[in-house]
Amino acid sequence: MDAFKRKRGALRLRYLLIPAVFCLTLFVSSIRADSVQYTVALDTSAINGTSAQLAFDFISGGSSTNSVTVSGFSTDGTLGAVSPTGGVSGTLPGTVTLTDSSFFNEYLTDITLGTDISFLVSATNNPPASGFFPDAFSLSLLDPLTGLPLFATSDPTGANTLTVLSLDGSATGSLSAYTAPGGQATLTATSTAVPEPSTLLLMASGVAFLLRGRKVRA
């Protein structure tokens, strides 16, 4: 009877081991080494209560294939109607993904501003081919009546964006954060480490080893 119980316990652990390792392997294979993450915080307390549009734009450079995911979105303002353009899926405050399936891809949402907006940006970071521009992700606040920037920023291109992330293949991409000379908003962006596939594989191996050890002891 004891031998039967031990055999049955070993079989149960075997059935736990196989799907656990399979799921961890799938998870590891979905993580790319050539990816970047930034935690973004936008202080809008100076224009609290203002009606605006929040624009996440993703411009294709024409050669590489990339995607950007906005997650963990939080604001004490009020979100309104959404107008997506191009390769966009999802709705804030949930996860939104933009792809470079078109030249211009945009997630545009009405918002009554509160004091702050924060979110996590995760992007693949495949560099452009020679002679092409990198894909670029940007954040802007727009006037809902005109569709123009809500206020001027230090953006040297004159587009008056608040930040631009160029996916140039470098370790963290090339991020530019711009200021609002009038003090309307303050943006901070901090690079966040992305787990390396090798680290995740070690984690998967460790789980498999522990489950294997339990099986042997059983």
N, C-alpha and C. Protein backbone atom coordinates (compact mmCIF):
# COMPACT_ATOMS: atom_id res chain seq x y z
N MET A 1 0.83 -1.21 0.00
CA MET A 1 0.00 0.00 0.00
C MET A 1 0.86 1.26 0.00
N ASP A 2 1.96 1.25 0.84
CA ASP A 2 2.86 2.41 0.88
C ASP A 2 3.53 2.62 -0.46
N ALA A 3 3.93 1.52 -1.10
CA ALA A 3 4.57 1.64 -2.41
C ALA A 3 3.61 2.23 -3.44
N PHE A 4 2.35 1.82 -3.35
CA PHE A 4 1.33 2.36 -4.27
C PHE A 4 1.14 3.85 -4.06
N LYS A 5 1.10 4.31 -2.79
CA LYS A 5 0.95 5.73 -2.50
C LYS A 5 2.14 6.53 -3.01
N ARG A 6 3.35 5.95 -2.83
CA ARG A 6 4.54 6.68 -3.31
C ARG A 6 4.52 6.81 -4.83
N LYS A 7 4.09 5.74 -5.50
CA LYS A 7 4.03 5.77 -6.97
C LYS A 7 2.99 6.79 -7.43
N ARG A 8 1.83 6.80 -6.76
CA ARG A 8 0.79 7.75 -7.13
C ARG A 8 1.26 9.18 -6.90
N GLY A 9 1.98 9.42 -5.78
CA GLY A 9 2.51 10.76 -5.51
C GLY A 9 3.53 11.17 -6.55
N ALA A 10 4.36 10.23 -6.97
CA ALA A 10 5.37 10.53 -7.99
C ALA A 10 4.72 10.90 -9.31
N LEU A 11 3.64 10.19 -9.66
CA LEU A 11 2.94 10.49 -10.90
C LEU A 11 2.31 11.88 -10.86
N ARG A 12 1.75 12.25 -9.69
CA ARG A 12 1.16 13.58 -9.56
C ARG A 12 2.20 14.66 -9.76
N LEU A 13 3.39 14.47 -9.17
CA LEU A 13 4.45 15.47 -9.31
C LEU A 13 4.95 15.52 -10.74
N ARG A 14 4.94 14.39 -11.41
CA ARG A 14 5.35 14.38 -12.82
C ARG A 14 4.40 15.21 -13.66
N TYR A 15 3.10 15.07 -13.40
CA TYR A 15 2.12 15.85 -14.14
C TYR A 15 2.19 17.33 -13.80
N LEU A 16 2.69 17.66 -12.59
CA LEU A 16 2.92 19.06 -12.24
C LEU A 16 4.17 19.59 -12.92
N LEU A 17 5.19 18.74 -13.00
CA LEU A 17 6.48 19.16 -13.55
C LEU A 17 6.38 19.51 -15.03
N ILE A 18 5.73 18.67 -15.81
CA ILE A 18 5.71 18.86 -17.26
C ILE A 18 5.03 20.17 -17.67
N PRO A 19 3.80 20.45 -17.19
CA PRO A 19 3.18 21.72 -17.61
C PRO A 19 3.88 22.94 -17.04
N ALA A 20 4.46 22.82 -15.83
CA ALA A 20 5.16 23.97 -15.24
C ALA A 20 6.35 24.37 -16.09
N VAL A 21 7.16 23.38 -16.48
CA VAL A 21 8.33 23.67 -17.31
C VAL A 21 7.90 24.17 -18.69
N PHE A 22 6.83 23.58 -19.24
CA PHE A 22 6.34 24.01 -20.55
C PHE A 22 5.90 25.47 -20.53
N CYS A 23 5.15 25.87 -19.48
CA CYS A 23 4.66 27.25 -19.37
C CYS A 23 5.82 28.22 -19.19
N LEU A 24 6.79 27.83 -18.36
CA LEU A 24 7.95 28.71 -18.14
C LEU A 24 8.75 28.87 -19.43
N THR A 25 8.87 27.80 -20.19
CA THR A 25 9.60 27.88 -21.45
C THR A 25 8.91 28.81 -22.43
N LEU A 26 7.57 28.70 -22.52
CA LEU A 26 6.82 29.61 -23.39
C LEU A 26 7.00 31.05 -22.97
N PHE A 27 6.98 31.29 -21.64
CA PHE A 27 7.13 32.65 -21.13
C PHE A 27 8.52 33.20 -21.48
N VAL A 28 9.54 32.38 -21.30
CA VAL A 28 10.90 32.82 -21.60
C VAL A 28 11.05 33.12 -23.08
N SER A 29 10.46 32.27 -23.93
CA SER A 29 10.60 32.48 -25.38
C SER A 29 9.90 33.74 -25.85
N SER A 30 8.93 34.25 -25.05
CA SER A 30 8.21 35.46 -25.44
C SER A 30 8.95 36.73 -25.07
N ILE A 31 10.00 36.62 -24.23
CA ILE A 31 10.77 37.79 -23.80
C ILE A 31 11.93 38.01 -24.75
N ARG A 32 12.04 39.20 -25.30
CA ARG A 32 13.11 39.52 -26.22
C ARG A 32 14.22 40.26 -25.51
N ALA A 33 15.47 39.91 -25.88
CA ALA A 33 16.60 40.61 -25.29
C ALA A 33 16.66 42.05 -25.80
N ASP A 34 16.23 42.26 -27.07
CA ASP A 34 16.29 43.59 -27.68
C ASP A 34 15.02 44.36 -27.37
N SER A 35 14.79 44.66 -26.10
CA SER A 35 13.61 45.40 -25.69
C SER A 35 13.98 46.44 -24.64
N VAL A 36 13.13 47.45 -24.51
CA VAL A 36 13.38 48.53 -23.55
C VAL A 36 12.12 48.79 -22.75
N GLN A 37 12.30 49.31 -21.54
CA GLN A 37 11.17 49.68 -20.69
C GLN A 37 11.46 51.01 -20.01
N TYR A 38 10.43 51.84 -19.90
CA TYR A 38 10.55 53.10 -19.18
C TYR A 38 9.31 53.31 -18.31
N THR A 39 9.54 53.77 -17.11
CA THR A 39 8.46 54.21 -16.25
C THR A 39 8.31 55.72 -16.45
N VAL A 40 7.11 56.16 -16.82
CA VAL A 40 6.88 57.57 -17.15
C VAL A 40 5.89 58.17 -16.16
N ALA A 41 6.21 59.36 -15.67
CA ALA A 41 5.31 60.09 -14.78
C ALA A 41 5.18 61.52 -15.29
N LEU A 42 3.95 62.00 -15.37
CA LEU A 42 3.68 63.34 -15.88
C LEU A 42 2.89 64.12 -14.83
N ASP A 43 3.48 65.20 -14.34
CA ASP A 43 2.85 66.06 -13.34
C ASP A 43 2.06 67.15 -14.08
N THR A 44 0.74 67.11 -13.94
CA THR A 44 -0.11 68.10 -14.61
C THR A 44 -0.89 68.94 -13.60
N SER A 45 -0.37 69.05 -12.40
CA SER A 45 -1.09 69.76 -11.34
C SER A 45 -1.31 71.24 -11.69
N ALA A 46 -0.42 71.82 -12.51
CA ALA A 46 -0.55 73.23 -12.87
C ALA A 46 -1.74 73.47 -13.81
N ILE A 47 -2.20 72.43 -14.49
CA ILE A 47 -3.33 72.57 -15.41
C ILE A 47 -4.45 71.60 -15.03
N ASN A 48 -4.53 71.29 -13.76
CA ASN A 48 -5.57 70.42 -13.23
C ASN A 48 -6.97 70.93 -13.64
N GLY A 49 -7.79 70.02 -14.15
CA GLY A 49 -9.15 70.39 -14.56
C GLY A 49 -9.27 70.80 -16.01
N THR A 50 -8.14 70.87 -16.74
CA THR A 50 -8.16 71.28 -18.15
C THR A 50 -8.61 70.14 -19.05
N SER A 51 -9.46 70.44 -20.03
CA SER A 51 -9.86 69.46 -21.04
C SER A 51 -8.75 69.34 -22.07
N ALA A 52 -8.35 68.12 -22.37
CA ALA A 52 -7.23 67.91 -23.29
C ALA A 52 -7.43 66.59 -24.01
N GLN A 53 -6.48 66.28 -24.88
CA GLN A 53 -6.39 64.97 -25.50
C GLN A 53 -5.00 64.41 -25.25
N LEU A 54 -4.95 63.16 -24.84
CA LEU A 54 -3.68 62.47 -24.61
C LEU A 54 -3.38 61.64 -25.85
N ALA A 55 -2.21 61.90 -26.46
CA ALA A 55 -1.86 61.23 -27.72
C ALA A 55 -0.60 60.40 -27.56
N PHE A 56 -0.74 59.09 -27.79
CA PHE A 56 0.41 58.20 -27.92
C PHE A 56 0.58 57.95 -29.41
N ASP A 57 1.68 58.42 -29.99
CA ASP A 57 1.93 58.25 -31.42
C ASP A 57 3.10 57.29 -31.64
N PHE A 58 2.98 56.45 -32.66
CA PHE A 58 4.05 55.53 -33.02
C PHE A 58 4.28 55.64 -34.52
N ILE A 59 5.44 56.18 -34.89
CA ILE A 59 5.78 56.45 -36.29
C ILE A 59 6.74 55.39 -36.80
N SER A 60 6.41 54.80 -37.94
CA SER A 60 7.27 53.78 -38.53
C SER A 60 8.41 54.43 -39.30
N GLY A 61 9.63 53.92 -39.07
CA GLY A 61 10.78 54.41 -39.82
C GLY A 61 10.90 53.78 -41.19
N GLY A 62 10.12 52.72 -41.44
CA GLY A 62 10.07 52.15 -42.78
C GLY A 62 10.83 50.87 -43.01
N SER A 63 11.66 50.42 -42.03
CA SER A 63 12.43 49.21 -42.29
C SER A 63 12.25 48.14 -41.21
N SER A 64 12.42 48.47 -39.95
CA SER A 64 12.33 47.49 -38.88
C SER A 64 10.88 47.29 -38.44
N THR A 65 10.63 46.20 -37.72
CA THR A 65 9.31 45.90 -37.17
C THR A 65 9.38 45.97 -35.66
N ASN A 66 8.57 46.85 -35.07
CA ASN A 66 8.56 47.03 -33.63
C ASN A 66 7.14 47.20 -33.11
N SER A 67 7.00 47.10 -31.81
CA SER A 67 5.72 47.37 -31.16
C SER A 67 5.99 48.03 -29.82
N VAL A 68 5.01 48.79 -29.36
CA VAL A 68 5.10 49.49 -28.07
C VAL A 68 3.87 49.15 -27.25
N THR A 69 4.07 48.84 -25.98
CA THR A 69 2.96 48.53 -25.08
C THR A 69 2.94 49.53 -23.93
N VAL A 70 1.78 50.11 -23.68
CA VAL A 70 1.57 51.00 -22.55
C VAL A 70 0.73 50.24 -21.53
N SER A 71 1.27 50.07 -20.31
CA SER A 71 0.56 49.31 -19.28
C SER A 71 0.67 50.03 -17.94
N GLY A 72 -0.06 49.54 -16.96
CA GLY A 72 0.00 50.14 -15.63
C GLY A 72 -0.42 51.59 -15.61
N PHE A 73 -1.34 51.96 -16.51
CA PHE A 73 -1.73 53.37 -16.63
C PHE A 73 -2.53 53.81 -15.41
N SER A 74 -2.20 55.00 -14.91
CA SER A 74 -2.89 55.54 -13.74
C SER A 74 -3.01 57.05 -13.86
N THR A 75 -4.15 57.58 -13.48
CA THR A 75 -4.35 59.03 -13.45
C THR A 75 -5.50 59.35 -12.50
N ASP A 76 -5.43 60.53 -11.90
CA ASP A 76 -6.57 60.99 -11.11
C ASP A 76 -7.47 61.90 -11.94
N GLY A 77 -7.19 61.97 -13.25
CA GLY A 77 -8.05 62.68 -14.17
C GLY A 77 -9.15 61.76 -14.66
N THR A 78 -9.92 62.21 -15.65
CA THR A 78 -11.04 61.44 -16.19
C THR A 78 -10.85 61.20 -17.67
N LEU A 79 -10.79 59.93 -18.06
CA LEU A 79 -10.64 59.57 -19.47
C LEU A 79 -11.97 59.67 -20.19
N GLY A 80 -11.89 59.99 -21.50
CA GLY A 80 -13.10 60.13 -22.30
C GLY A 80 -13.06 59.28 -23.55
N ALA A 81 -13.61 59.81 -24.64
CA ALA A 81 -13.71 59.08 -25.90
C ALA A 81 -12.33 58.77 -26.48
N VAL A 82 -12.26 57.64 -27.19
CA VAL A 82 -11.00 57.18 -27.78
C VAL A 82 -11.10 57.20 -29.30
N SER A 83 -10.01 57.64 -29.96
CA SER A 83 -9.95 57.66 -31.42
C SER A 83 -8.64 57.02 -31.87
N PRO A 84 -8.63 55.71 -32.10
CA PRO A 84 -7.39 55.05 -32.54
C PRO A 84 -7.17 55.19 -34.05
N THR A 85 -5.91 55.18 -34.45
CA THR A 85 -5.54 55.22 -35.86
C THR A 85 -4.43 54.21 -36.12
N GLY A 86 -4.57 53.40 -37.16
CA GLY A 86 -3.52 52.47 -37.52
C GLY A 86 -3.47 51.25 -36.62
N GLY A 87 -2.25 50.76 -36.37
CA GLY A 87 -2.06 49.54 -35.60
C GLY A 87 -2.17 49.76 -34.11
N VAL A 88 -3.39 49.79 -33.59
CA VAL A 88 -3.63 50.04 -32.17
C VAL A 88 -4.63 49.01 -31.65
N SER A 89 -4.36 48.48 -30.45
CA SER A 89 -5.32 47.59 -29.80
C SER A 89 -5.33 47.89 -28.31
N GLY A 90 -6.48 47.66 -27.66
CA GLY A 90 -6.61 47.90 -26.23
C GLY A 90 -7.15 49.28 -25.93
N THR A 91 -7.55 49.48 -24.68
CA THR A 91 -8.12 50.75 -24.23
C THR A 91 -7.63 51.07 -22.83
N LEU A 92 -7.20 52.30 -22.62
CA LEU A 92 -6.80 52.75 -21.29
C LEU A 92 -8.02 52.79 -20.37
N PRO A 93 -7.86 52.50 -19.06
CA PRO A 93 -6.60 52.32 -18.34
C PRO A 93 -6.01 50.92 -18.44
N GLY A 94 -6.57 50.08 -19.30
CA GLY A 94 -5.98 48.77 -19.55
C GLY A 94 -4.75 48.88 -20.43
N THR A 95 -4.26 47.77 -20.89
CA THR A 95 -3.05 47.74 -21.71
C THR A 95 -3.35 48.14 -23.15
N VAL A 96 -2.52 48.99 -23.70
CA VAL A 96 -2.64 49.44 -25.09
C VAL A 96 -1.36 49.07 -25.84
N THR A 97 -1.52 48.48 -27.02
CA THR A 97 -0.37 48.11 -27.84
C THR A 97 -0.45 48.82 -29.18
N LEU A 98 0.67 49.41 -29.58
CA LEU A 98 0.79 50.06 -30.88
C LEU A 98 1.84 49.33 -31.70
N THR A 99 1.53 49.06 -32.95
CA THR A 99 2.47 48.44 -33.87
C THR A 99 2.78 49.40 -35.01
N ASP A 100 3.86 49.11 -35.73
CA ASP A 100 4.22 49.97 -36.85
C ASP A 100 3.68 49.42 -38.17
N SER A 101 2.45 48.88 -38.11
CA SER A 101 1.83 48.32 -39.31
C SER A 101 1.51 49.39 -40.35
N SER A 102 1.34 50.62 -39.88
CA SER A 102 1.16 51.77 -40.78
C SER A 102 2.26 52.78 -40.50
N PHE A 103 2.37 53.79 -41.35
CA PHE A 103 3.36 54.84 -41.09
C PHE A 103 3.02 55.59 -39.82
N PHE A 104 1.73 55.97 -39.67
CA PHE A 104 1.29 56.72 -38.50
C PHE A 104 0.28 55.90 -37.72
N ASN A 105 0.60 55.65 -36.45
CA ASN A 105 -0.27 54.87 -35.57
C ASN A 105 -0.47 55.67 -34.29
N GLU A 106 -1.72 55.83 -33.89
CA GLU A 106 -1.99 56.73 -32.76
C GLU A 106 -3.12 56.20 -31.88
N TYR A 107 -2.87 56.28 -30.56
CA TYR A 107 -3.95 56.10 -29.58
C TYR A 107 -4.25 57.48 -29.02
N LEU A 108 -5.45 57.99 -29.32
CA LEU A 108 -5.85 59.34 -28.93
C LEU A 108 -7.09 59.25 -28.04
N THR A 109 -6.99 59.82 -26.83
CA THR A 109 -8.13 59.78 -25.92
C THR A 109 -8.37 61.15 -25.30
N ASP A 110 -9.65 61.50 -25.20
CA ASP A 110 -9.99 62.71 -24.47
C ASP A 110 -9.69 62.49 -22.99
N ILE A 111 -9.33 63.55 -22.30
CA ILE A 111 -9.03 63.46 -20.88
C ILE A 111 -9.27 64.80 -20.21
N THR A 112 -9.90 64.78 -19.07
CA THR A 112 -9.93 65.94 -18.19
C THR A 112 -8.78 65.74 -17.21
N LEU A 113 -7.79 66.59 -17.31
CA LEU A 113 -6.55 66.38 -16.57
C LEU A 113 -6.76 66.50 -15.07
N GLY A 114 -6.07 65.63 -14.35
CA GLY A 114 -5.98 65.73 -12.90
C GLY A 114 -4.62 66.29 -12.54
N THR A 115 -4.01 65.76 -11.52
CA THR A 115 -2.69 66.25 -11.11
C THR A 115 -1.55 65.40 -11.64
N ASP A 116 -1.86 64.16 -12.07
CA ASP A 116 -0.76 63.30 -12.53
C ASP A 116 -1.24 62.21 -13.48
N ILE A 117 -0.30 61.74 -14.28
CA ILE A 117 -0.48 60.59 -15.18
C ILE A 117 0.79 59.76 -15.07
N SER A 118 0.64 58.45 -14.98
CA SER A 118 1.81 57.58 -14.95
C SER A 118 1.52 56.28 -15.69
N PHE A 119 2.57 55.66 -16.24
CA PHE A 119 2.41 54.41 -16.98
C PHE A 119 3.78 53.81 -17.25
N LEU A 120 3.77 52.56 -17.72
CA LEU A 120 4.98 51.85 -18.11
C LEU A 120 4.98 51.66 -19.62
N VAL A 121 6.07 52.02 -20.26
CA VAL A 121 6.24 51.81 -21.70
C VAL A 121 7.22 50.66 -21.91
N SER A 122 6.78 49.66 -22.65
CA SER A 122 7.65 48.53 -23.02
C SER A 122 7.67 48.45 -24.54
N ALA A 123 8.85 48.33 -25.11
CA ALA A 123 8.95 48.33 -26.58
C ALA A 123 10.02 47.37 -27.05
N THR A 124 9.75 46.72 -28.18
CA THR A 124 10.83 46.02 -28.86
C THR A 124 11.78 47.08 -29.40
N ASN A 125 13.01 46.70 -29.68
CA ASN A 125 14.01 47.71 -30.03
C ASN A 125 14.88 47.24 -31.19
N ASN A 126 14.19 46.90 -32.28
CA ASN A 126 14.91 46.48 -33.49
C ASN A 126 15.40 47.70 -34.25
N PRO A 127 16.69 47.79 -34.52
CA PRO A 127 17.22 48.99 -35.17
C PRO A 127 16.82 49.08 -36.63
N PRO A 128 16.88 50.28 -37.20
CA PRO A 128 16.54 50.43 -38.62
C PRO A 128 17.66 49.94 -39.52
N ALA A 129 17.29 49.61 -40.74
CA ALA A 129 18.30 49.27 -41.73
C ALA A 129 19.05 50.54 -42.14
N SER A 130 20.20 50.36 -42.74
CA SER A 130 21.00 51.49 -43.15
C SER A 130 20.21 52.39 -44.12
N GLY A 131 20.22 53.70 -43.84
CA GLY A 131 19.52 54.64 -44.69
C GLY A 131 18.09 54.92 -44.27
N PHE A 132 17.61 54.24 -43.20
CA PHE A 132 16.26 54.45 -42.71
C PHE A 132 16.29 55.10 -41.33
N PHE A 133 15.16 55.67 -40.93
CA PHE A 133 15.02 56.24 -39.61
C PHE A 133 14.51 55.19 -38.63
N PRO A 134 14.82 55.32 -37.35
CA PRO A 134 14.26 54.38 -36.36
C PRO A 134 12.78 54.64 -36.13
N ASP A 135 12.05 53.60 -35.73
CA ASP A 135 10.68 53.79 -35.29
C ASP A 135 10.70 54.70 -34.05
N ALA A 136 9.64 55.50 -33.89
CA ALA A 136 9.64 56.47 -32.79
C ALA A 136 8.27 56.53 -32.12
N PHE A 137 8.30 56.47 -30.79
CA PHE A 137 7.09 56.57 -29.96
C PHE A 137 7.11 57.92 -29.25
N SER A 138 5.97 58.60 -29.22
CA SER A 138 5.94 59.92 -28.57
C SER A 138 4.66 60.10 -27.77
N LEU A 139 4.72 61.04 -26.84
CA LEU A 139 3.58 61.41 -26.01
C LEU A 139 3.34 62.90 -26.13
N SER A 140 2.07 63.28 -26.33
CA SER A 140 1.72 64.69 -26.45
C SER A 140 0.39 64.95 -25.73
N LEU A 141 0.20 66.20 -25.32
CA LEU A 141 -1.09 66.67 -24.84
C LEU A 141 -1.61 67.68 -25.86
N LEU A 142 -2.83 67.47 -26.33
CA LEU A 142 -3.38 68.29 -27.41
C LEU A 142 -4.61 69.06 -26.94
N ASP A 143 -4.87 70.15 -27.66
CA ASP A 143 -6.10 70.93 -27.45
C ASP A 143 -7.23 70.20 -28.17
N PRO A 144 -8.28 69.79 -27.46
CA PRO A 144 -9.36 69.02 -28.11
C PRO A 144 -10.13 69.80 -29.17
N LEU A 145 -10.07 71.12 -29.15
CA LEU A 145 -10.79 71.93 -30.12
C LEU A 145 -10.02 72.09 -31.43
N THR A 146 -8.70 72.18 -31.34
CA THR A 146 -7.89 72.43 -32.53
C THR A 146 -7.07 71.23 -32.98
N GLY A 147 -6.82 70.29 -32.07
CA GLY A 147 -5.94 69.17 -32.38
C GLY A 147 -4.47 69.54 -32.34
N LEU A 148 -4.17 70.77 -31.98
CA LEU A 148 -2.78 71.23 -31.87
C LEU A 148 -2.27 71.01 -30.45
N PRO A 149 -0.96 71.08 -30.24
CA PRO A 149 -0.42 70.91 -28.89
C PRO A 149 -1.07 71.87 -27.90
N LEU A 150 -1.31 71.37 -26.69
CA LEU A 150 -1.98 72.16 -25.66
C LEU A 150 -1.10 73.31 -25.20
N PHE A 151 0.22 73.12 -25.27
CA PHE A 151 1.18 74.16 -24.90
C PHE A 151 2.51 73.87 -25.57
N ALA A 152 3.37 74.87 -25.60
CA ALA A 152 4.69 74.72 -26.22
C ALA A 152 5.63 73.95 -25.29
N THR A 153 6.52 73.15 -25.90
CA THR A 153 7.57 72.46 -25.13
C THR A 153 8.92 72.77 -25.77
N SER A 154 9.96 72.22 -25.16
CA SER A 154 11.32 72.45 -25.68
C SER A 154 11.67 71.50 -26.83
N ASP A 155 10.71 70.75 -27.34
CA ASP A 155 10.92 69.85 -28.46
C ASP A 155 11.53 70.64 -29.63
N PRO A 156 12.76 70.31 -30.05
CA PRO A 156 13.42 71.11 -31.09
C PRO A 156 12.80 70.97 -32.47
N THR A 157 11.95 69.95 -32.67
CA THR A 157 11.34 69.77 -33.99
C THR A 157 10.14 70.70 -34.19
N GLY A 158 9.65 71.31 -33.10
CA GLY A 158 8.48 72.16 -33.19
C GLY A 158 7.17 71.41 -33.06
N ALA A 159 7.24 70.08 -32.86
CA ALA A 159 6.02 69.29 -32.70
C ALA A 159 5.45 69.42 -31.30
N ASN A 160 6.23 69.97 -30.38
CA ASN A 160 5.81 70.22 -28.99
C ASN A 160 5.34 68.95 -28.28
N THR A 161 6.06 67.85 -28.53
CA THR A 161 5.81 66.62 -27.79
C THR A 161 6.41 66.75 -26.39
N LEU A 162 6.01 65.83 -25.51
CA LEU A 162 6.57 65.80 -24.16
C LEU A 162 7.73 64.82 -24.06
N THR A 163 7.69 63.78 -24.85
CA THR A 163 8.80 62.83 -24.88
C THR A 163 8.77 62.05 -26.18
N VAL A 164 9.95 61.63 -26.63
CA VAL A 164 10.10 60.80 -27.83
C VAL A 164 11.08 59.69 -27.52
N LEU A 165 10.67 58.45 -27.81
CA LEU A 165 11.55 57.29 -27.64
C LEU A 165 11.85 56.72 -29.03
N SER A 166 13.12 56.84 -29.44
CA SER A 166 13.55 56.32 -30.74
C SER A 166 14.10 54.91 -30.54
N LEU A 167 13.57 53.95 -31.29
CA LEU A 167 13.98 52.55 -31.16
C LEU A 167 15.13 52.29 -32.12
N ASP A 168 16.32 52.68 -31.66
CA ASP A 168 17.51 52.64 -32.52
C ASP A 168 18.39 51.41 -32.29
N GLY A 169 17.94 50.48 -31.43
CA GLY A 169 18.73 49.27 -31.17
C GLY A 169 19.76 49.41 -30.08
N SER A 170 19.93 50.61 -29.52
CA SER A 170 20.89 50.78 -28.41
C SER A 170 20.32 50.16 -27.14
N ALA A 171 21.11 50.10 -26.08
CA ALA A 171 20.74 49.36 -24.87
C ALA A 171 19.39 49.78 -24.30
N THR A 172 19.12 51.07 -24.27
CA THR A 172 17.85 51.56 -23.70
C THR A 172 17.04 52.38 -24.71
N GLY A 173 17.40 52.30 -25.98
CA GLY A 173 16.76 53.17 -26.94
C GLY A 173 17.24 54.59 -26.72
N SER A 174 16.75 55.53 -27.50
CA SER A 174 17.14 56.93 -27.35
C SER A 174 15.92 57.73 -26.93
N LEU A 175 15.87 58.09 -25.64
CA LEU A 175 14.71 58.81 -25.11
C LEU A 175 15.03 60.28 -24.87
N SER A 176 14.14 61.15 -25.35
CA SER A 176 14.26 62.58 -25.11
C SER A 176 13.02 63.05 -24.35
N ALA A 177 13.23 63.70 -23.22
CA ALA A 177 12.13 64.26 -22.43
C ALA A 177 12.21 65.78 -22.52
N TYR A 178 11.09 66.43 -22.85
CA TYR A 178 11.10 67.87 -23.07
C TYR A 178 10.35 68.60 -21.95
N THR A 179 10.72 69.82 -21.75
CA THR A 179 10.11 70.63 -20.69
C THR A 179 9.07 71.58 -21.28
N ALA A 180 8.19 72.03 -20.43
CA ALA A 180 7.20 73.05 -20.81
C ALA A 180 7.65 74.36 -20.20
N PRO A 181 8.16 75.30 -21.01
CA PRO A 181 8.67 76.56 -20.47
C PRO A 181 7.66 77.32 -19.63
N GLY A 182 6.38 77.12 -19.92
CA GLY A 182 5.35 77.80 -19.15
C GLY A 182 5.00 77.10 -17.85
N GLY A 183 5.65 75.95 -17.59
CA GLY A 183 5.41 75.22 -16.35
C GLY A 183 4.12 74.44 -16.31
N GLN A 184 3.51 74.22 -17.47
CA GLN A 184 2.21 73.53 -17.49
C GLN A 184 2.32 72.07 -17.06
N ALA A 185 3.42 71.41 -17.38
CA ALA A 185 3.58 70.00 -17.04
C ALA A 185 5.06 69.66 -16.90
N THR A 186 5.33 68.63 -16.08
CA THR A 186 6.70 68.16 -15.88
C THR A 186 6.72 66.65 -16.07
N LEU A 187 7.58 66.18 -16.97
CA LEU A 187 7.66 64.75 -17.27
C LEU A 187 8.98 64.18 -16.78
N THR A 188 8.91 63.00 -16.17
CA THR A 188 10.11 62.24 -15.81
C THR A 188 9.98 60.84 -16.38
N ALA A 189 11.07 60.30 -16.89
CA ALA A 189 11.09 58.95 -17.46
C ALA A 189 12.32 58.22 -16.95
N THR A 190 12.12 57.03 -16.42
CA THR A 190 13.21 56.25 -15.84
C THR A 190 13.29 54.91 -16.53
N SER A 191 14.48 54.56 -17.00
CA SER A 191 14.68 53.27 -17.65
C SER A 191 14.53 52.15 -16.63
N THR A 192 13.81 51.10 -17.02
CA THR A 192 13.57 49.96 -16.15
C THR A 192 14.21 48.73 -16.77
N ALA A 193 14.94 47.98 -15.97
CA ALA A 193 15.64 46.80 -16.49
C ALA A 193 14.65 45.76 -16.98
N VAL A 194 14.95 45.16 -18.14
CA VAL A 194 14.16 44.07 -18.69
C VAL A 194 14.86 42.76 -18.35
N PRO A 195 14.17 41.77 -17.77
CA PRO A 195 14.82 40.49 -17.44
C PRO A 195 15.42 39.85 -18.67
N GLU A 196 16.69 39.42 -18.57
CA GLU A 196 17.33 38.74 -19.68
C GLU A 196 16.77 37.33 -19.83
N PRO A 197 16.65 36.82 -21.05
CA PRO A 197 16.17 35.45 -21.24
C PRO A 197 17.00 34.43 -20.48
N SER A 198 18.33 34.63 -20.36
CA SER A 198 19.17 33.69 -19.64
C SER A 198 18.79 33.61 -18.17
N THR A 199 18.43 34.76 -17.58
CA THR A 199 18.01 34.78 -16.19
C THR A 199 16.71 34.02 -16.01
N LEU A 200 15.77 34.22 -16.93
CA LEU A 200 14.49 33.54 -16.85
C LEU A 200 14.65 32.04 -17.07
N LEU A 201 15.59 31.65 -17.93
CA LEU A 201 15.84 30.22 -18.14
C LEU A 201 16.40 29.59 -16.87
N LEU A 202 17.26 30.31 -16.15
CA LEU A 202 17.76 29.80 -14.89
C LEU A 202 16.62 29.61 -13.89
N MET A 203 15.67 30.57 -13.87
CA MET A 203 14.53 30.44 -12.99
C MET A 203 13.71 29.20 -13.34
N ALA A 204 13.49 28.99 -14.63
CA ALA A 204 12.73 27.82 -15.07
C ALA A 204 13.44 26.53 -14.68
N SER A 205 14.78 26.52 -14.86
CA SER A 205 15.55 25.33 -14.50
C SER A 205 15.48 25.06 -13.00
N GLY A 206 15.50 26.15 -12.22
CA GLY A 206 15.43 26.00 -10.77
C GLY A 206 14.11 25.40 -10.33
N VAL A 207 13.00 25.88 -10.93
CA VAL A 207 11.69 25.32 -10.60
C VAL A 207 11.63 23.85 -10.98
N ALA A 208 12.16 23.52 -12.16
CA ALA A 208 12.15 22.13 -12.60
C ALA A 208 12.96 21.26 -11.66
N PHE A 209 14.11 21.78 -11.20
CA PHE A 209 14.97 21.01 -10.29
C PHE A 209 14.26 20.74 -8.97
N LEU A 210 13.57 21.78 -8.43
CA LEU A 210 12.86 21.61 -7.17
C LEU A 210 11.75 20.58 -7.29
N LEU A 211 10.98 20.67 -8.38
CA LEU A 211 9.90 19.71 -8.58
C LEU A 211 10.44 18.30 -8.78
N ARG A 212 11.57 18.21 -9.47
CA ARG A 212 12.21 16.91 -9.69
C ARG A 212 12.66 16.31 -8.36
N GLY A 213 13.22 17.20 -7.49
CA GLY A 213 13.66 16.74 -6.18
C GLY A 213 12.51 16.22 -5.35
N ARG A 214 11.36 16.90 -5.41
CA ARG A 214 10.18 16.45 -4.67
C ARG A 214 9.70 15.10 -5.21
N LYS A 215 9.81 14.93 -6.53
CA LYS A 215 9.39 13.67 -7.13
C LYS A 215 10.26 12.51 -6.65
N VAL A 216 11.59 12.76 -6.59
CA VAL A 216 12.52 11.70 -6.15
C VAL A 216 12.25 11.33 -4.71
N ARG A 217 12.05 12.35 -3.86
CA ARG A 217 11.82 12.09 -2.44
C ARG A 217 10.51 11.35 -2.22
N ALA A 218 9.51 11.64 -3.11
CA ALA A 218 8.25 10.93 -2.97
C ALA A 218 8.42 9.44 -3.26
